[in-house]
Amino acid sequence: MAKYIVNPILLRMKESERGSIYQSIVALGMRSRQINDQIKSEFIIRAKDYLTNLEESDDAQKELFEISKDFDVIPKPNFIAMKELMYDKLRFSLGDPEKTEDTED
């Protein structure tokens, strides 16, 4: 497994440029889920033909193993999201909580 080096100080400085650090954490979490869903859907698309024949054929098991090895080298979604934040590829805006709350007159 690859080793990921993330400098927490630089990441915090980058997060604080955008406003609240907590908003950045929420945005990173949301982006990580999106990336994870993309990776999962790619895996399912590539493995769909082999999943139905898994019990019948040893070749299907071998092919599925090869496909899973391809996906093992992909960095974790959290690190991809952090990298996007560091290189200004991640844009986010969270709604104003005062405007979204229902007020009773």
PDB file of N, CA and C in Angstrom:
ATOM      1  N   MET A   1       0.840  -1.175   0.000  1.00  0.00           N
ATOM      2  CA  MET A   1       0.000   0.000   0.000  1.00  0.00           C
ATOM      3  C   MET A   1       0.883   1.236   0.000  1.00  0.00           C
ATOM      4  N   ALA A   2       0.479   2.212  -0.759  1.00  0.00           N
ATOM      5  CA  ALA A   2       1.264   3.439  -0.878  1.00  0.00           C
ATOM      6  C   ALA A   2       1.207   4.245   0.421  1.00  0.00           C
ATOM      7  N   LYS A   3       2.245   5.016   0.639  1.00  0.00           N
ATOM      8  CA  LYS A   3       2.313   5.849   1.819  1.00  0.00           C
ATOM      9  C   LYS A   3       1.915   7.269   1.426  1.00  0.00           C
ATOM     10  N   TYR A   4       0.998   7.845   2.173  1.00  0.00           N
ATOM     11  CA  TYR A   4       0.511   9.183   1.872  1.00  0.00           C
ATOM     12  C   TYR A   4       1.040  10.146   2.921  1.00  0.00           C
ATOM     13  N   ILE A   5       1.640  11.196   2.462  1.00  0.00           N
ATOM     14  CA  ILE A   5       2.173  12.189   3.372  1.00  0.00           C
ATOM     15  C   ILE A   5       1.291  13.428   3.257  1.00  0.00           C
ATOM     16  N   VAL A   6       0.624  13.755   4.335  1.00  0.00           N
ATOM     17  CA  VAL A   6      -0.227  14.934   4.388  1.00  0.00           C
ATOM     18  C   VAL A   6       0.310  15.825   5.492  1.00  0.00           C
ATOM     19  N   ASN A   7       0.610  17.054   5.139  1.00  0.00           N
ATOM     20  CA  ASN A   7       1.108  17.996   6.118  1.00  0.00           C
ATOM     21  C   ASN A   7      -0.098  18.663   6.792  1.00  0.00           C
ATOM     22  N   PRO A   8      -0.368  18.349   8.064  1.00  0.00           N
ATOM     23  CA  PRO A   8      -1.562  18.882   8.725  1.00  0.00           C
ATOM     24  C   PRO A   8      -1.568  20.398   8.832  1.00  0.00           C
ATOM     25  N   ILE A   9      -0.402  21.004   8.966  1.00  0.00           N
ATOM     26  CA  ILE A   9      -0.349  22.459   9.107  1.00  0.00           C
ATOM     27  C   ILE A   9      -0.758  23.125   7.795  1.00  0.00           C
ATOM     28  N   LEU A  10      -0.224  22.641   6.681  1.00  0.00           N
ATOM     29  CA  LEU A  10      -0.601  23.217   5.388  1.00  0.00           C
ATOM     30  C   LEU A  10      -2.075  22.979   5.085  1.00  0.00           C
ATOM     31  N   LEU A  11      -2.570  21.819   5.447  1.00  0.00           N
ATOM     32  CA  LEU A  11      -3.982  21.511   5.219  1.00  0.00           C
ATOM     33  C   LEU A  11      -4.864  22.435   6.053  1.00  0.00           C
ATOM     34  N   ARG A  12      -4.496  22.678   7.285  1.00  0.00           N
ATOM     35  CA  ARG A  12      -5.266  23.596   8.142  1.00  0.00           C
ATOM     36  C   ARG A  12      -5.240  25.008   7.594  1.00  0.00           C
ATOM     37  N   MET A  13      -4.087  25.458   7.102  1.00  0.00           N
ATOM     38  CA  MET A  13      -4.003  26.796   6.527  1.00  0.00           C
ATOM     39  C   MET A  13      -4.907  26.905   5.304  1.00  0.00           C
ATOM     40  N   LYS A  14      -4.924  25.874   4.485  1.00  0.00           N
ATOM     41  CA  LYS A  14      -5.762  25.854   3.295  1.00  0.00           C
ATOM     42  C   LYS A  14      -7.233  25.878   3.675  1.00  0.00           C
ATOM     43  N   GLU A  15      -7.597  25.102   4.697  1.00  0.00           N
ATOM     44  CA  GLU A  15      -8.983  25.056   5.154  1.00  0.00           C
ATOM     45  C   GLU A  15      -9.420  26.396   5.722  1.00  0.00           C
ATOM     46  N   SER A  16      -8.547  27.045   6.488  1.00  0.00           N
ATOM     47  CA  SER A  16      -8.928  28.291   7.129  1.00  0.00           C
ATOM     48  C   SER A  16      -9.047  29.440   6.124  1.00  0.00           C
ATOM     49  N   GLU A  17      -8.414  29.323   4.948  1.00  0.00           N
ATOM     50  CA  GLU A  17      -8.573  30.331   3.913  1.00  0.00           C
ATOM     51  C   GLU A  17     -10.017  30.390   3.431  1.00  0.00           C
ATOM     52  N   ARG A  18     -10.692  29.284   3.489  1.00  0.00           N
ATOM     53  CA  ARG A  18     -12.056  29.192   2.969  1.00  0.00           C
ATOM     54  C   ARG A  18     -13.109  29.569   4.003  1.00  0.00           C
ATOM     55  N   GLY A  19     -12.716  29.800   5.219  1.00  0.00           N
ATOM     56  CA  GLY A  19     -13.690  30.114   6.267  1.00  0.00           C
ATOM     57  C   GLY A  19     -13.504  29.181   7.435  1.00  0.00           C
ATOM     58  N   SER A  20     -14.553  28.554   7.837  1.00  0.00           N
ATOM     59  CA  SER A  20     -14.525  27.665   8.987  1.00  0.00           C
ATOM     60  C   SER A  20     -13.852  26.340   8.638  1.00  0.00           C
ATOM     61  N   ILE A  21     -13.020  25.873   9.519  1.00  0.00           N
ATOM     62  CA  ILE A  21     -12.350  24.588   9.332  1.00  0.00           C
ATOM     63  C   ILE A  21     -13.380  23.466   9.334  1.00  0.00           C
ATOM     64  N   TYR A  22     -14.416  23.616  10.136  1.00  0.00           N
ATOM     65  CA  TYR A  22     -15.444  22.581  10.231  1.00  0.00           C
ATOM     66  C   TYR A  22     -16.226  22.461   8.923  1.00  0.00           C
ATOM     67  N   GLN A  23     -16.451  23.581   8.235  1.00  0.00           N
ATOM     68  CA  GLN A  23     -17.101  23.533   6.926  1.00  0.00           C
ATOM     69  C   GLN A  23     -16.232  22.791   5.927  1.00  0.00           C
ATOM     70  N   SER A  24     -14.933  23.007   6.006  1.00  0.00           N
ATOM     71  CA  SER A  24     -14.016  22.299   5.115  1.00  0.00           C
ATOM     72  C   SER A  24     -14.037  20.802   5.387  1.00  0.00           C
ATOM     73  N   ILE A  25     -14.116  20.432   6.644  1.00  0.00           N
ATOM     74  CA  ILE A  25     -14.160  19.009   7.000  1.00  0.00           C
ATOM     75  C   ILE A  25     -15.432  18.367   6.463  1.00  0.00           C
ATOM     76  N   VAL A  26     -16.551  19.074   6.580  1.00  0.00           N
ATOM     77  CA  VAL A  26     -17.812  18.556   6.050  1.00  0.00           C
ATOM     78  C   VAL A  26     -17.722  18.409   4.534  1.00  0.00           C
ATOM     79  N   ALA A  27     -17.153  19.415   3.875  1.00  0.00           N
ATOM     80  CA  ALA A  27     -17.010  19.354   2.416  1.00  0.00           C
ATOM     81  C   ALA A  27     -16.087  18.208   2.005  1.00  0.00           C
ATOM     82  N   LEU A  28     -15.003  17.996   2.732  1.00  0.00           N
ATOM     83  CA  LEU A  28     -14.096  16.878   2.439  1.00  0.00           C
ATOM     84  C   LEU A  28     -14.813  15.541   2.609  1.00  0.00           C
ATOM     85  N   GLY A  29     -15.621  15.428   3.640  1.00  0.00           N
ATOM     86  CA  GLY A  29     -16.372  14.192   3.853  1.00  0.00           C
ATOM     87  C   GLY A  29     -17.363  13.923   2.738  1.00  0.00           C
ATOM     88  N   MET A  30     -18.048  14.976   2.303  1.00  0.00           N
ATOM     89  CA  MET A  30     -19.016  14.814   1.214  1.00  0.00           C
ATOM     90  C   MET A  30     -18.316  14.429  -0.085  1.00  0.00           C
ATOM     91  N   ARG A  31     -17.190  15.078  -0.359  1.00  0.00           N
ATOM     92  CA  ARG A  31     -16.436  14.771  -1.581  1.00  0.00           C
ATOM     93  C   ARG A  31     -15.868  13.359  -1.513  1.00  0.00           C
ATOM     94  N   SER A  32     -15.415  12.938  -0.343  1.00  0.00           N
ATOM     95  CA  SER A  32     -14.891  11.578  -0.184  1.00  0.00           C
ATOM     96  C   SER A  32     -15.955  10.538  -0.488  1.00  0.00           C
ATOM     97  N   ARG A  33     -17.179  10.800  -0.048  1.00  0.00           N
ATOM     98  CA  ARG A  33     -18.282   9.872  -0.352  1.00  0.00           C
ATOM     99  C   ARG A  33     -18.562   9.816  -1.838  1.00  0.00           C
ATOM    100  N   GLN A  34     -18.509  10.980  -2.508  1.00  0.00           N
ATOM    101  CA  GLN A  34     -18.724  11.004  -3.954  1.00  0.00           C
ATOM    102  C   GLN A  34     -17.657  10.179  -4.668  1.00  0.00           C
ATOM    103  N   ILE A  35     -16.415  10.368  -4.280  1.00  0.00           N
ATOM    104  CA  ILE A  35     -15.307   9.631  -4.904  1.00  0.00           C
ATOM    105  C   ILE A  35     -15.462   8.142  -4.646  1.00  0.00           C
ATOM    106  N   ASN A  36     -15.821   7.769  -3.415  1.00  0.00           N
ATOM    107  CA  ASN A  36     -16.010   6.365  -3.073  1.00  0.00           C
ATOM    108  C   ASN A  36     -17.132   5.745  -3.908  1.00  0.00           C
ATOM    109  N   ASP A  37     -18.223   6.478  -4.093  1.00  0.00           N
ATOM    110  CA  ASP A  37     -19.328   5.975  -4.912  1.00  0.00           C
ATOM    111  C   ASP A  37     -18.901   5.788  -6.365  1.00  0.00           C
ATOM    112  N   GLN A  38     -18.070   6.700  -6.881  1.00  0.00           N
ATOM    113  CA  GLN A  38     -17.572   6.563  -8.252  1.00  0.00           C
ATOM    114  C   GLN A  38     -16.701   5.320  -8.399  1.00  0.00           C
ATOM    115  N   ILE A  39     -15.817   5.110  -7.448  1.00  0.00           N
ATOM    116  CA  ILE A  39     -14.931   3.948  -7.487  1.00  0.00           C
ATOM    117  C   ILE A  39     -15.745   2.658  -7.392  1.00  0.00           C
ATOM    118  N   LYS A  40     -16.727   2.649  -6.497  1.00  0.00           N
ATOM    119  CA  LYS A  40     -17.567   1.465  -6.327  1.00  0.00           C
ATOM    120  C   LYS A  40     -18.354   1.157  -7.600  1.00  0.00           C
ATOM    121  N   SER A  41     -18.894   2.191  -8.241  1.00  0.00           N
ATOM    122  CA  SER A  41     -19.662   1.947  -9.468  1.00  0.00           C
ATOM    123  C   SER A  41     -18.754   1.461 -10.600  1.00  0.00           C
ATOM    124  N   GLU A  42     -17.531   1.986 -10.680  1.00  0.00           N
ATOM    125  CA  GLU A  42     -16.582   1.497 -11.686  1.00  0.00           C
ATOM    126  C   GLU A  42     -16.259   0.015 -11.449  1.00  0.00           C
ATOM    127  N   PHE A  43     -16.055  -0.351 -10.196  1.00  0.00           N
ATOM    128  CA  PHE A  43     -15.757  -1.747  -9.875  1.00  0.00           C
ATOM    129  C   PHE A  43     -16.918  -2.654 -10.267  1.00  0.00           C
ATOM    130  N   ILE A  44     -18.130  -2.229  -9.932  1.00  0.00           N
ATOM    131  CA  ILE A  44     -19.307  -3.045 -10.241  1.00  0.00           C
ATOM    132  C   ILE A  44     -19.472  -3.199 -11.753  1.00  0.00           C
ATOM    133  N   ILE A  45     -19.232  -2.135 -12.491  1.00  0.00           N
ATOM    134  CA  ILE A  45     -19.343  -2.211 -13.957  1.00  0.00           C
ATOM    135  C   ILE A  45     -18.328  -3.201 -14.523  1.00  0.00           C
ATOM    136  N   ARG A  46     -17.089  -3.109 -14.056  1.00  0.00           N
ATOM    137  CA  ARG A  46     -16.052  -4.006 -14.572  1.00  0.00           C
ATOM    138  C   ARG A  46     -16.236  -5.448 -14.125  1.00  0.00           C
ATOM    139  N   ALA A  47     -16.790  -5.650 -12.928  1.00  0.00           N
ATOM    140  CA  ALA A  47     -16.892  -6.998 -12.372  1.00  0.00           C
ATOM    141  C   ALA A  47     -18.252  -7.649 -12.612  1.00  0.00           C
ATOM    142  N   LYS A  48     -19.167  -6.928 -13.235  1.00  0.00           N
ATOM    143  CA  LYS A  48     -20.538  -7.439 -13.390  1.00  0.00           C
ATOM    144  C   LYS A  48     -20.588  -8.775 -14.122  1.00  0.00           C
ATOM    145  N   ASP A  49     -19.818  -8.935 -15.176  1.00  0.00           N
ATOM    146  CA  ASP A  49     -19.833 -10.180 -15.947  1.00  0.00           C
ATOM    147  C   ASP A  49     -19.288 -11.363 -15.154  1.00  0.00           C
ATOM    148  N   TYR A  50     -18.358 -11.104 -14.278  1.00  0.00           N
ATOM    149  CA  TYR A  50     -17.707 -12.182 -13.540  1.00  0.00           C
ATOM    150  C   TYR A  50     -18.431 -12.540 -12.252  1.00  0.00           C
ATOM    151  N   LEU A  51     -19.226 -11.622 -11.707  1.00  0.00           N
ATOM    152  CA  LEU A  51     -19.924 -11.900 -10.450  1.00  0.00           C
ATOM    153  C   LEU A  51     -21.006 -12.959 -10.621  1.00  0.00           C
ATOM    154  N   THR A  52     -21.633 -13.027 -11.794  1.00  0.00           N
ATOM    155  CA  THR A  52     -22.682 -14.016 -12.002  1.00  0.00           C
ATOM    156  C   THR A  52     -22.115 -15.424 -12.148  1.00  0.00           C
ATOM    157  N   ASN A  53     -20.891 -15.560 -12.663  1.00  0.00           N
ATOM    158  CA  ASN A  53     -20.272 -16.863 -12.900  1.00  0.00           C
ATOM    159  C   ASN A  53     -19.239 -17.219 -11.832  1.00  0.00           C
ATOM    160  N   LEU A  54     -19.293 -16.582 -10.706  1.00  0.00           N
ATOM    161  CA  LEU A  54     -18.248 -16.751  -9.690  1.00  0.00           C
ATOM    162  C   LEU A  54     -18.151 -18.172  -9.169  1.00  0.00           C
ATOM    163  N   GLU A  55     -19.271 -18.815  -8.919  1.00  0.00           N
ATOM    164  CA  GLU A  55     -19.248 -20.164  -8.350  1.00  0.00           C
ATOM    165  C   GLU A  55     -18.959 -21.226  -9.408  1.00  0.00           C
ATOM    166  N   GLU A  56     -19.264 -20.939 -10.655  1.00  0.00           N
ATOM    167  CA  GLU A  56     -19.134 -21.935 -11.712  1.00  0.00           C
ATOM    168  C   GLU A  56     -17.721 -22.045 -12.283  1.00  0.00           C
ATOM    169  N   SER A  57     -17.000 -20.950 -12.278  1.00  0.00           N
ATOM    170  CA  SER A  57     -15.745 -20.937 -13.013  1.00  0.00           C
ATOM    171  C   SER A  57     -14.594 -20.407 -12.159  1.00  0.00           C
ATOM    172  N   ASP A  58     -13.463 -21.090 -12.282  1.00  0.00           N
ATOM    173  CA  ASP A  58     -12.255 -20.592 -11.628  1.00  0.00           C
ATOM    174  C   ASP A  58     -11.692 -19.388 -12.365  1.00  0.00           C
ATOM    175  N   ASP A  59     -11.940 -19.325 -13.685  1.00  0.00           N
ATOM    176  CA  ASP A  59     -11.473 -18.179 -14.465  1.00  0.00           C
ATOM    177  C   ASP A  59     -12.149 -16.895 -14.009  1.00  0.00           C
ATOM    178  N   ALA A  60     -13.422 -16.997 -13.656  1.00  0.00           N
ATOM    179  CA  ALA A  60     -14.142 -15.815 -13.179  1.00  0.00           C
ATOM    180  C   ALA A  60     -13.538 -15.326 -11.863  1.00  0.00           C
ATOM    181  N   GLN A  61     -13.159 -16.255 -10.997  1.00  0.00           N
ATOM    182  CA  GLN A  61     -12.534 -15.865  -9.734  1.00  0.00           C
ATOM    183  C   GLN A  61     -11.191 -15.194  -9.973  1.00  0.00           C
ATOM    184  N   LYS A  62     -10.430 -15.728 -10.921  1.00  0.00           N
ATOM    185  CA  LYS A  62      -9.127 -15.135 -11.226  1.00  0.00           C
ATOM    186  C   LYS A  62      -9.280 -13.740 -11.822  1.00  0.00           C
ATOM    187  N   GLU A  63     -10.237 -13.588 -12.730  1.00  0.00           N
ATOM    188  CA  GLU A  63     -10.466 -12.278 -13.338  1.00  0.00           C
ATOM    189  C   GLU A  63     -10.943 -11.265 -12.302  1.00  0.00           C
ATOM    190  N   LEU A  64     -11.812 -11.689 -11.415  1.00  0.00           N
ATOM    191  CA  LEU A  64     -12.301 -10.813 -10.356  1.00  0.00           C
ATOM    192  C   LEU A  64     -11.167 -10.411  -9.421  1.00  0.00           C
ATOM    193  N   PHE A  65     -10.257 -11.335  -9.166  1.00  0.00           N
ATOM    194  CA  PHE A  65      -9.085 -11.028  -8.346  1.00  0.00           C
ATOM    195  C   PHE A  65      -8.194  -9.996  -9.038  1.00  0.00           C
ATOM    196  N   GLU A  66      -8.008 -10.125 -10.343  1.00  0.00           N
ATOM    197  CA  GLU A  66      -7.193  -9.169 -11.098  1.00  0.00           C
ATOM    198  C   GLU A  66      -7.842  -7.787 -11.094  1.00  0.00           C
ATOM    199  N   ILE A  67      -9.158  -7.753 -11.239  1.00  0.00           N
ATOM    200  CA  ILE A  67      -9.860  -6.469 -11.207  1.00  0.00           C
ATOM    201  C   ILE A  67      -9.715  -5.818  -9.837  1.00  0.00           C
ATOM    202  N   SER A  68      -9.845  -6.603  -8.785  1.00  0.00           N
ATOM    203  CA  SER A  68      -9.724  -6.050  -7.436  1.00  0.00           C
ATOM    204  C   SER A  68      -8.303  -5.549  -7.165  1.00  0.00           C
ATOM    205  N   LYS A  69      -7.300  -6.188  -7.756  1.00  0.00           N
ATOM    206  CA  LYS A  69      -5.917  -5.701  -7.606  1.00  0.00           C
ATOM    207  C   LYS A  69      -5.753  -4.333  -8.254  1.00  0.00           C
ATOM    208  N   ASP A  70      -6.442  -4.110  -9.384  1.00  0.00           N
ATOM    209  CA  ASP A  70      -6.383  -2.796 -10.033  1.00  0.00           C
ATOM    210  C   ASP A  70      -6.950  -1.710  -9.119  1.00  0.00           C
ATOM    211  N   PHE A  71      -8.000  -2.042  -8.389  1.00  0.00           N
ATOM    212  CA  PHE A  71      -8.635  -1.056  -7.522  1.00  0.00           C
ATOM    213  C   PHE A  71      -7.919  -0.899  -6.188  1.00  0.00           C
ATOM    214  N   ASP A  72      -7.060  -1.823  -5.830  1.00  0.00           N
ATOM    215  CA  ASP A  72      -6.306  -1.708  -4.582  1.00  0.00           C
ATOM    216  C   ASP A  72      -5.258  -0.607  -4.631  1.00  0.00           C
ATOM    217  N   VAL A  73      -4.777  -0.272  -5.809  1.00  0.00           N
ATOM    218  CA  VAL A  73      -3.728   0.736  -5.924  1.00  0.00           C
ATOM    219  C   VAL A  73      -4.286   2.162  -5.957  1.00  0.00           C
ATOM    220  N   ILE A  74      -5.588   2.298  -6.064  1.00  0.00           N
ATOM    221  CA  ILE A  74      -6.200   3.627  -6.063  1.00  0.00           C
ATOM    222  C   ILE A  74      -6.094   4.199  -4.649  1.00  0.00           C
ATOM    223  N   PRO A  75      -5.668   5.458  -4.525  1.00  0.00           N
ATOM    224  CA  PRO A  75      -5.595   6.052  -3.187  1.00  0.00           C
ATOM    225  C   PRO A  75      -6.972   6.118  -2.528  1.00  0.00           C
ATOM    226  N   LYS A  76      -6.968   6.213  -1.233  1.00  0.00           N
ATOM    227  CA  LYS A  76      -8.216   6.295  -0.491  1.00  0.00           C
ATOM    228  C   LYS A  76      -8.945   7.592  -0.854  1.00  0.00           C
ATOM    229  N   PRO A  77     -10.283   7.547  -0.858  1.00  0.00           N
ATOM    230  CA  PRO A  77     -11.057   8.735  -1.231  1.00  0.00           C
ATOM    231  C   PRO A  77     -10.753   9.968  -0.374  1.00  0.00           C
ATOM    232  N   ASN A  78     -10.447   9.767   0.909  1.00  0.00           N
ATOM    233  CA  ASN A  78     -10.114  10.907   1.769  1.00  0.00           C
ATOM    234  C   ASN A  78      -8.874  11.636   1.277  1.00  0.00           C
ATOM    235  N   PHE A  79      -7.875  10.886   0.858  1.00  0.00           N
ATOM    236  CA  PHE A  79      -6.646  11.507   0.390  1.00  0.00           C
ATOM    237  C   PHE A  79      -6.850  12.194  -0.954  1.00  0.00           C
ATOM    238  N   ILE A  80      -7.691  11.636  -1.800  1.00  0.00           N
ATOM    239  CA  ILE A  80      -7.994  12.283  -3.079  1.00  0.00           C
ATOM    240  C   ILE A  80      -8.705  13.614  -2.822  1.00  0.00           C
ATOM    241  N   ALA A  81      -9.654  13.619  -1.889  1.00  0.00           N
ATOM    242  CA  ALA A  81     -10.376  14.844  -1.559  1.00  0.00           C
ATOM    243  C   ALA A  81      -9.433  15.888  -0.953  1.00  0.00           C
ATOM    244  N   MET A  82      -8.525  15.455  -0.085  1.00  0.00           N
ATOM    245  CA  MET A  82      -7.555  16.392   0.496  1.00  0.00           C
ATOM    246  C   MET A  82      -6.653  16.982  -0.571  1.00  0.00           C
ATOM    247  N   LYS A  83      -6.241  16.145  -1.516  1.00  0.00           N
ATOM    248  CA  LYS A  83      -5.389  16.624  -2.602  1.00  0.00           C
ATOM    249  C   LYS A  83      -6.138  17.648  -3.450  1.00  0.00           C
ATOM    250  N   GLU A  84      -7.422  17.395  -3.697  1.00  0.00           N
ATOM    251  CA  GLU A  84      -8.228  18.348  -4.451  1.00  0.00           C
ATOM    252  C   GLU A  84      -8.331  19.673  -3.707  1.00  0.00           C
ATOM    253  N   LEU A  85      -8.465  19.628  -2.390  1.00  0.00           N
ATOM    254  CA  LEU A  85      -8.522  20.848  -1.592  1.00  0.00           C
ATOM    255  C   LEU A  85      -7.197  21.595  -1.649  1.00  0.00           C
ATOM    256  N   MET A  86      -6.101  20.862  -1.554  1.00  0.00           N
ATOM    257  CA  MET A  86      -4.784  21.502  -1.559  1.00  0.00           C
ATOM    258  C   MET A  86      -4.480  22.200  -2.884  1.00  0.00           C
ATOM    259  N   TYR A  87      -4.944  21.630  -3.984  1.00  0.00           N
ATOM    260  CA  TYR A  87      -4.659  22.200  -5.303  1.00  0.00           C
ATOM    261  C   TYR A  87      -5.821  23.016  -5.846  1.00  0.00           C
ATOM    262  N   ASP A  88      -6.704  23.474  -4.950  1.00  0.00           N
ATOM    263  CA  ASP A  88      -7.834  24.344  -5.292  1.00  0.00           C
ATOM    264  C   ASP A  88      -8.744  23.755  -6.363  1.00  0.00           C
ATOM    265  N   LYS A  89      -8.897  22.449  -6.379  1.00  0.00           N
ATOM    266  CA  LYS A  89      -9.817  21.802  -7.305  1.00  0.00           C
ATOM    267  C   LYS A  89     -11.166  21.537  -6.643  1.00  0.00           C
ATOM    268  N   LEU A  90     -11.237  21.688  -5.333  1.00  0.00           N
ATOM    269  CA  LEU A  90     -12.460  21.430  -4.591  1.00  0.00           C
ATOM    270  C   LEU A  90     -13.098  22.764  -4.241  1.00  0.00           C
ATOM    271  N   ARG A  91     -14.274  22.994  -4.788  1.00  0.00           N
ATOM    272  CA  ARG A  91     -15.025  24.214  -4.505  1.00  0.00           C
ATOM    273  C   ARG A  91     -16.283  23.819  -3.747  1.00  0.00           C
ATOM    274  N   PHE A  92     -16.594  24.561  -2.723  1.00  0.00           N
ATOM    275  CA  PHE A  92     -17.791  24.255  -1.961  1.00  0.00           C
ATOM    276  C   PHE A  92     -18.343  25.525  -1.356  1.00  0.00           C
ATOM    277  N   SER A  93     -19.627  25.520  -1.147  1.00  0.00           N
ATOM    278  CA  SER A  93     -20.268  26.600  -0.402  1.00  0.00           C
ATOM    279  C   SER A  93     -21.419  25.981   0.377  1.00  0.00           C
ATOM    280  N   LEU A  94     -21.427  26.253   1.642  1.00  0.00           N
ATOM    281  CA  LEU A  94     -22.484  25.752   2.501  1.00  0.00           C
ATOM    282  C   LEU A  94     -23.475  26.883   2.733  1.00  0.00           C
ATOM    283  N   GLY A  95     -24.730  26.536   2.796  1.00  0.00           N
ATOM    284  CA  GLY A  95     -25.765  27.545   2.959  1.00  0.00           C
ATOM    285  C   GLY A  95     -25.645  28.306   4.264  1.00  0.00           C
ATOM    286  N   ASP A  96     -26.209  29.497   4.277  1.00  0.00           N
ATOM    287  CA  ASP A  96     -26.216  30.319   5.475  1.00  0.00           C
ATOM    288  C   ASP A  96     -27.256  29.754   6.437  1.00  0.00           C
ATOM    289  N   PRO A  97     -26.864  29.343   7.650  1.00  0.00           N
ATOM    290  CA  PRO A  97     -27.816  28.712   8.566  1.00  0.00           C
ATOM    291  C   PRO A  97     -28.955  29.641   8.975  1.00  0.00           C
ATOM    292  N   GLU A  98     -28.724  30.954   8.987  1.00  0.00           N
ATOM    293  CA  GLU A  98     -29.772  31.893   9.369  1.00  0.00           C
ATOM    294  C   GLU A  98     -30.875  31.944   8.318  1.00  0.00           C
ATOM    295  N   LYS A  99     -30.519  31.753   7.056  1.00  0.00           N
ATOM    296  CA  LYS A  99     -31.510  31.805   5.987  1.00  0.00           C
ATOM    297  C   LYS A  99     -32.287  30.507   5.856  1.00  0.00           C
ATOM    298  N   THR A 100     -31.703  29.407   6.274  1.00  0.00           N
ATOM    299  CA  THR A 100     -32.370  28.116   6.110  1.00  0.00           C
ATOM    300  C   THR A 100     -33.288  27.762   7.265  1.00  0.00           C
ATOM    301  N   GLU A 101     -33.134  28.418   8.403  1.00  0.00           N
ATOM    302  CA  GLU A 101     -33.979  28.125   9.544  1.00  0.00           C
ATOM    303  C   GLU A 101     -35.355  28.760   9.342  1.00  0.00           C
ATOM    304  N   ASP A 102     -36.386  28.030   9.740  1.00  0.00           N
ATOM    305  CA  ASP A 102     -37.747  28.573   9.690  1.00  0.00           C
ATOM    306  C   ASP A 102     -37.953  29.464  10.902  1.00  0.00           C
ATOM    307  N   THR A 103     -38.375  30.670  10.658  1.00  0.00           N
ATOM    308  CA  THR A 103     -38.623  31.592  11.768  1.00  0.00           C
ATOM    309  C   THR A 103     -40.112  31.810  11.890  1.00  0.00           C
ATOM    310  N   GLU A 104     -40.585  31.805  13.127  1.00  0.00           N
ATOM    311  CA  GLU A 104     -42.002  32.041  13.371  1.00  0.00           C
ATOM    312  C   GLU A 104     -42.179  33.478  13.795  1.00  0.00           C
ATOM    313  N   ASP A 105     -43.135  34.155  13.170  1.00  0.00           N
ATOM    314  CA  ASP A 105     -43.391  35.562  13.509  1.00  0.00           C
ATOM    315  C   ASP A 105     -44.438  35.674  14.555  1.00  0.00           C
TER     316      ASP A 105
END
